[in-house]
Amino acid sequence: MKKVDLEKRIAELAAENNATWVYAGGTNHDKFKLNGTVIMIPRHKEIGEILAAKILKDCKKALG
């Protein structure tokens, strides 16, 4: 999955649930905060499907 597509999907999830989705910096990974939960996304153009699924699962868990 492309990184930009993953970030767009998470932003859509946040918008659907009236949640905050804020960039919080990072060095080797991009760090975002989703309703106060830190979500780390590697800085690669492509992210493996298994990792992308885990990141989305973590996001859904943060949303309740």
PDB file of N, CA and C in Angstrom:
ATOM      1  N   MET A   1       0.854  -1.170   0.000  1.00  0.00           N
ATOM      2  CA  MET A   1       0.000   0.000   0.000  1.00  0.00           C
ATOM      3  C   MET A   1       0.901   1.235   0.000  1.00  0.00           C
ATOM      4  N   LYS A   2       0.531   2.219  -0.756  1.00  0.00           N
ATOM      5  CA  LYS A   2       1.289   3.461  -0.770  1.00  0.00           C
ATOM      6  C   LYS A   2       1.044   4.220   0.532  1.00  0.00           C
ATOM      7  N   LYS A   3       2.103   4.861   1.018  1.00  0.00           N
ATOM      8  CA  LYS A   3       2.023   5.598   2.277  1.00  0.00           C
ATOM      9  C   LYS A   3       0.957   6.683   2.215  1.00  0.00           C
ATOM     10  N   VAL A   4       0.891   7.412   1.113  1.00  0.00           N
ATOM     11  CA  VAL A   4      -0.094   8.494   1.003  1.00  0.00           C
ATOM     12  C   VAL A   4      -1.513   7.938   1.042  1.00  0.00           C
ATOM     13  N   ASP A   5      -1.731   6.748   0.459  1.00  0.00           N
ATOM     14  CA  ASP A   5      -3.060   6.136   0.501  1.00  0.00           C
ATOM     15  C   ASP A   5      -3.431   5.729   1.928  1.00  0.00           C
ATOM     16  N   LEU A   6      -2.454   5.214   2.669  1.00  0.00           N
ATOM     17  CA  LEU A   6      -2.699   4.842   4.066  1.00  0.00           C
ATOM     18  C   LEU A   6      -3.044   6.079   4.889  1.00  0.00           C
ATOM     19  N   GLU A   7      -2.293   7.151   4.700  1.00  0.00           N
ATOM     20  CA  GLU A   7      -2.565   8.379   5.450  1.00  0.00           C
ATOM     21  C   GLU A   7      -3.927   8.959   5.094  1.00  0.00           C
ATOM     22  N   LYS A   8      -4.309   8.886   3.817  1.00  0.00           N
ATOM     23  CA  LYS A   8      -5.637   9.363   3.402  1.00  0.00           C
ATOM     24  C   LYS A   8      -6.733   8.528   4.062  1.00  0.00           C
ATOM     25  N   ARG A   9      -6.534   7.205   4.120  1.00  0.00           N
ATOM     26  CA  ARG A   9      -7.532   6.319   4.725  1.00  0.00           C
ATOM     27  C   ARG A   9      -7.701   6.621   6.213  1.00  0.00           C
ATOM     28  N   ILE A  10      -6.585   6.861   6.894  1.00  0.00           N
ATOM     29  CA  ILE A  10      -6.658   7.182   8.322  1.00  0.00           C
ATOM     30  C   ILE A  10      -7.343   8.535   8.524  1.00  0.00           C
ATOM     31  N   ALA A  11      -7.029   9.495   7.660  1.00  0.00           N
ATOM     32  CA  ALA A  11      -7.679  10.811   7.755  1.00  0.00           C
ATOM     33  C   ALA A  11      -9.192  10.676   7.541  1.00  0.00           C
ATOM     34  N   GLU A  12      -9.597   9.813   6.617  1.00  0.00           N
ATOM     35  CA  GLU A  12     -11.028   9.570   6.381  1.00  0.00           C
ATOM     36  C   GLU A  12     -11.674   8.955   7.620  1.00  0.00           C
ATOM     37  N   LEU A  13     -10.995   7.973   8.239  1.00  0.00           N
ATOM     38  CA  LEU A  13     -11.517   7.356   9.456  1.00  0.00           C
ATOM     39  C   LEU A  13     -11.686   8.400  10.563  1.00  0.00           C
ATOM     40  N   ALA A  14     -10.697   9.279  10.686  1.00  0.00           N
ATOM     41  CA  ALA A  14     -10.765  10.325  11.710  1.00  0.00           C
ATOM     42  C   ALA A  14     -11.941  11.262  11.434  1.00  0.00           C
ATOM     43  N   ALA A  15     -12.135  11.639  10.179  1.00  0.00           N
ATOM     44  CA  ALA A  15     -13.225  12.546   9.829  1.00  0.00           C
ATOM     45  C   ALA A  15     -14.586  11.890  10.082  1.00  0.00           C
ATOM     46  N   GLU A  16     -14.712  10.608   9.756  1.00  0.00           N
ATOM     47  CA  GLU A  16     -15.962   9.891   9.959  1.00  0.00           C
ATOM     48  C   GLU A  16     -16.334   9.818  11.440  1.00  0.00           C
ATOM     49  N   ASN A  17     -15.311   9.791  12.306  1.00  0.00           N
ATOM     50  CA  ASN A  17     -15.543   9.636  13.739  1.00  0.00           C
ATOM     51  C   ASN A  17     -15.330  10.926  14.520  1.00  0.00           C
ATOM     52  N   ASN A  18     -15.254  12.057  13.809  1.00  0.00           N
ATOM     53  CA  ASN A  18     -15.027  13.363  14.436  1.00  0.00           C
ATOM     54  C   ASN A  18     -13.828  13.340  15.386  1.00  0.00           C
ATOM     55  N   ALA A  19     -12.751  12.721  14.934  1.00  0.00           N
ATOM     56  CA  ALA A  19     -11.542  12.593  15.741  1.00  0.00           C
ATOM     57  C   ALA A  19     -10.472  13.548  15.227  1.00  0.00           C
ATOM     58  N   THR A  20      -9.495  13.829  16.085  1.00  0.00           N
ATOM     59  CA  THR A  20      -8.378  14.669  15.672  1.00  0.00           C
ATOM     60  C   THR A  20      -7.292  13.793  15.061  1.00  0.00           C
ATOM     61  N   TRP A  21      -6.665  14.257  13.999  1.00  0.00           N
ATOM     62  CA  TRP A  21      -5.587  13.558  13.296  1.00  0.00           C
ATOM     63  C   TRP A  21      -4.516  14.597  13.030  1.00  0.00           C
ATOM     64  N   VAL A  22      -3.449  14.601  13.861  1.00  0.00           N
ATOM     65  CA  VAL A  22      -2.462  15.668  13.846  1.00  0.00           C
ATOM     66  C   VAL A  22      -1.064  15.093  13.634  1.00  0.00           C
ATOM     67  N   TYR A  23      -0.295  15.728  12.751  1.00  0.00           N
ATOM     68  CA  TYR A  23       1.101  15.366  12.555  1.00  0.00           C
ATOM     69  C   TYR A  23       1.897  15.826  13.764  1.00  0.00           C
ATOM     70  N   ALA A  24       2.741  14.939  14.314  1.00  0.00           N
ATOM     71  CA  ALA A  24       3.481  15.276  15.525  1.00  0.00           C
ATOM     72  C   ALA A  24       4.989  15.101  15.356  1.00  0.00           C
ATOM     73  N   GLY A  25       5.500  15.147  14.138  1.00  0.00           N
ATOM     74  CA  GLY A  25       6.942  15.068  13.914  1.00  0.00           C
ATOM     75  C   GLY A  25       7.435  13.651  13.784  1.00  0.00           C
ATOM     76  N   GLY A  26       8.692  13.439  14.152  1.00  0.00           N
ATOM     77  CA  GLY A  26       9.305  12.125  14.070  1.00  0.00           C
ATOM     78  C   GLY A  26      10.620  12.198  13.322  1.00  0.00           C
ATOM     79  N   THR A  27      11.431  11.147  13.462  1.00  0.00           N
ATOM     80  CA  THR A  27      12.712  11.108  12.770  1.00  0.00           C
ATOM     81  C   THR A  27      12.723  10.005  11.721  1.00  0.00           C
ATOM     82  N   ASN A  28      12.748   8.755  12.141  1.00  0.00           N
ATOM     83  CA  ASN A  28      12.741   7.644  11.185  1.00  0.00           C
ATOM     84  C   ASN A  28      11.331   7.251  10.772  1.00  0.00           C
ATOM     85  N   HIS A  29      10.357   7.668  11.552  1.00  0.00           N
ATOM     86  CA  HIS A  29       8.952   7.405  11.276  1.00  0.00           C
ATOM     87  C   HIS A  29       8.203   8.734  11.375  1.00  0.00           C
ATOM     88  N   ASP A  30       7.091   8.818  10.641  1.00  0.00           N
ATOM     89  CA  ASP A  30       6.195   9.956  10.836  1.00  0.00           C
ATOM     90  C   ASP A  30       5.317   9.610  12.020  1.00  0.00           C
ATOM     91  N   LYS A  31       5.186  10.538  12.931  1.00  0.00           N
ATOM     92  CA  LYS A  31       4.386  10.320  14.137  1.00  0.00           C
ATOM     93  C   LYS A  31       3.139  11.183  14.034  1.00  0.00           C
ATOM     94  N   PHE A  32       1.996  10.559  14.208  1.00  0.00           N
ATOM     95  CA  PHE A  32       0.714  11.247  14.191  1.00  0.00           C
ATOM     96  C   PHE A  32       0.011  10.969  15.502  1.00  0.00           C
ATOM     97  N   LYS A  33      -0.888  11.845  15.869  1.00  0.00           N
ATOM     98  CA  LYS A  33      -1.726  11.612  17.041  1.00  0.00           C
ATOM     99  C   LYS A  33      -3.168  11.522  16.571  1.00  0.00           C
ATOM    100  N   LEU A  34      -3.795  10.426  16.919  1.00  0.00           N
ATOM    101  CA  LEU A  34      -5.191  10.177  16.596  1.00  0.00           C
ATOM    102  C   LEU A  34      -5.934  10.092  17.912  1.00  0.00           C
ATOM    103  N   ASN A  35      -6.669  11.150  18.239  1.00  0.00           N
ATOM    104  CA  ASN A  35      -7.377  11.226  19.526  1.00  0.00           C
ATOM    105  C   ASN A  35      -6.435  10.982  20.704  1.00  0.00           C
ATOM    106  N   GLY A  36      -5.216  11.486  20.604  1.00  0.00           N
ATOM    107  CA  GLY A  36      -4.256  11.355  21.687  1.00  0.00           C
ATOM    108  C   GLY A  36      -3.408  10.101  21.631  1.00  0.00           C
ATOM    109  N   THR A  37      -3.763   9.135  20.801  1.00  0.00           N
ATOM    110  CA  THR A  37      -2.986   7.909  20.641  1.00  0.00           C
ATOM    111  C   THR A  37      -1.930   8.131  19.567  1.00  0.00           C
ATOM    112  N   VAL A  38      -0.690   7.791  19.861  1.00  0.00           N
ATOM    113  CA  VAL A  38       0.397   7.979  18.906  1.00  0.00           C
ATOM    114  C   VAL A  38       0.384   6.848  17.882  1.00  0.00           C
ATOM    115  N   ILE A  39       0.373   7.219  16.610  1.00  0.00           N
ATOM    116  CA  ILE A  39       0.413   6.266  15.505  1.00  0.00           C
ATOM    117  C   ILE A  39       1.707   6.525  14.741  1.00  0.00           C
ATOM    118  N   MET A  40       2.553   5.498  14.634  1.00  0.00           N
ATOM    119  CA  MET A  40       3.824   5.625  13.929  1.00  0.00           C
ATOM    120  C   MET A  40       3.682   5.014  12.538  1.00  0.00           C
ATOM    121  N   ILE A  41       4.121   5.771  11.525  1.00  0.00           N
ATOM    122  CA  ILE A  41       4.083   5.298  10.144  1.00  0.00           C
ATOM    123  C   ILE A  41       5.488   5.423   9.566  1.00  0.00           C
ATOM    124  N   PRO A  42       6.059   4.322   9.062  1.00  0.00           N
ATOM    125  CA  PRO A  42       7.411   4.381   8.507  1.00  0.00           C
ATOM    126  C   PRO A  42       7.493   5.351   7.332  1.00  0.00           C
ATOM    127  N   ARG A  43       8.656   5.925   7.137  1.00  0.00           N
ATOM    128  CA  ARG A  43       8.872   6.861   6.028  1.00  0.00           C
ATOM    129  C   ARG A  43       9.350   6.114   4.791  1.00  0.00           C
ATOM    130  N   HIS A  44       8.474   5.307   4.237  1.00  0.00           N
ATOM    131  CA  HIS A  44       8.743   4.595   2.992  1.00  0.00           C
ATOM    132  C   HIS A  44       7.604   4.909   2.043  1.00  0.00           C
ATOM    133  N   LYS A  45       7.882   4.885   0.749  1.00  0.00           N
ATOM    134  CA  LYS A  45       6.811   5.140  -0.220  1.00  0.00           C
ATOM    135  C   LYS A  45       5.795   4.014  -0.196  1.00  0.00           C
ATOM    136  N   GLU A  46       6.275   2.795  -0.024  1.00  0.00           N
ATOM    137  CA  GLU A  46       5.401   1.620   0.027  1.00  0.00           C
ATOM    138  C   GLU A  46       5.461   1.013   1.426  1.00  0.00           C
ATOM    139  N   ILE A  47       4.316   0.651   1.943  1.00  0.00           N
ATOM    140  CA  ILE A  47       4.217  -0.002   3.250  1.00  0.00           C
ATOM    141  C   ILE A  47       3.559  -1.355   3.010  1.00  0.00           C
ATOM    142  N   GLY A  48       4.149  -2.398   3.573  1.00  0.00           N
ATOM    143  CA  GLY A  48       3.617  -3.749   3.390  1.00  0.00           C
ATOM    144  C   GLY A  48       2.164  -3.851   3.838  1.00  0.00           C
ATOM    145  N   GLU A  49       1.441  -4.743   3.191  1.00  0.00           N
ATOM    146  CA  GLU A  49       0.010  -4.893   3.474  1.00  0.00           C
ATOM    147  C   GLU A  49      -0.247  -5.317   4.917  1.00  0.00           C
ATOM    148  N   ILE A  50       0.603  -6.181   5.451  1.00  0.00           N
ATOM    149  CA  ILE A  50       0.402  -6.643   6.828  1.00  0.00           C
ATOM    150  C   ILE A  50       0.599  -5.490   7.807  1.00  0.00           C
ATOM    151  N   LEU A  51       1.653  -4.701   7.601  1.00  0.00           N
ATOM    152  CA  LEU A  51       1.905  -3.557   8.478  1.00  0.00           C
ATOM    153  C   LEU A  51       0.799  -2.510   8.338  1.00  0.00           C
ATOM    154  N   ALA A  52       0.360  -2.267   7.106  1.00  0.00           N
ATOM    155  CA  ALA A  52      -0.716  -1.298   6.884  1.00  0.00           C
ATOM    156  C   ALA A  52      -1.992  -1.741   7.596  1.00  0.00           C
ATOM    157  N   ALA A  53      -2.294  -3.036   7.546  1.00  0.00           N
ATOM    158  CA  ALA A  53      -3.485  -3.561   8.222  1.00  0.00           C
ATOM    159  C   ALA A  53      -3.359  -3.384   9.733  1.00  0.00           C
ATOM    160  N   LYS A  54      -2.153  -3.591  10.285  1.00  0.00           N
ATOM    161  CA  LYS A  54      -1.952  -3.414  11.718  1.00  0.00           C
ATOM    162  C   LYS A  54      -2.101  -1.949  12.121  1.00  0.00           C
ATOM    163  N   ILE A  55      -1.575  -1.041  11.306  1.00  0.00           N
ATOM    164  CA  ILE A  55      -1.703   0.384  11.594  1.00  0.00           C
ATOM    165  C   ILE A  55      -3.171   0.794  11.571  1.00  0.00           C
ATOM    166  N   LEU A  56      -3.919   0.328  10.576  1.00  0.00           N
ATOM    167  CA  LEU A  56      -5.354   0.642  10.506  1.00  0.00           C
ATOM    168  C   LEU A  56      -6.109   0.052  11.696  1.00  0.00           C
ATOM    169  N   LYS A  57      -5.723  -1.158  12.106  1.00  0.00           N
ATOM    170  CA  LYS A  57      -6.352  -1.788  13.279  1.00  0.00           C
ATOM    171  C   LYS A  57      -6.093  -0.949  14.525  1.00  0.00           C
ATOM    172  N   ASP A  58      -4.849  -0.466  14.688  1.00  0.00           N
ATOM    173  CA  ASP A  58      -4.520   0.384  15.824  1.00  0.00           C
ATOM    174  C   ASP A  58      -5.326   1.672  15.797  1.00  0.00           C
ATOM    175  N   CYS A  59      -5.544   2.208  14.601  1.00  0.00           N
ATOM    176  CA  CYS A  59      -6.317   3.439  14.464  1.00  0.00           C
ATOM    177  C   CYS A  59      -7.774   3.218  14.860  1.00  0.00           C
ATOM    178  N   LYS A  60      -8.333   2.107  14.412  1.00  0.00           N
ATOM    179  CA  LYS A  60      -9.723   1.797  14.755  1.00  0.00           C
ATOM    180  C   LYS A  60      -9.861   1.573  16.261  1.00  0.00           C
ATOM    181  N   LYS A  61      -8.844   0.967  16.867  1.00  0.00           N
ATOM    182  CA  LYS A  61      -8.841   0.754  18.314  1.00  0.00           C
ATOM    183  C   LYS A  61      -8.789   2.088  19.043  1.00  0.00           C
ATOM    184  N   ALA A  62      -8.021   3.048  18.525  1.00  0.00           N
ATOM    185  CA  ALA A  62      -7.906   4.369  19.145  1.00  0.00           C
ATOM    186  C   ALA A  62      -9.218   5.145  19.045  1.00  0.00           C
ATOM    187  N   LEU A  63     -10.005   4.831  18.036  1.00  0.00           N
ATOM    188  CA  LEU A  63     -11.277   5.528  17.832  1.00  0.00           C
ATOM    189  C   LEU A  63     -12.394   4.955  18.698  1.00  0.00           C
ATOM    190  N   GLY A  64     -12.135   3.808  19.286  1.00  0.00           N
ATOM    191  CA  GLY A  64     -13.139   3.253  20.197  1.00  0.00           C
ATOM    192  C   GLY A  64     -13.826   2.141  19.619  1.00  0.00           C
TER     193      GLY A  64
END
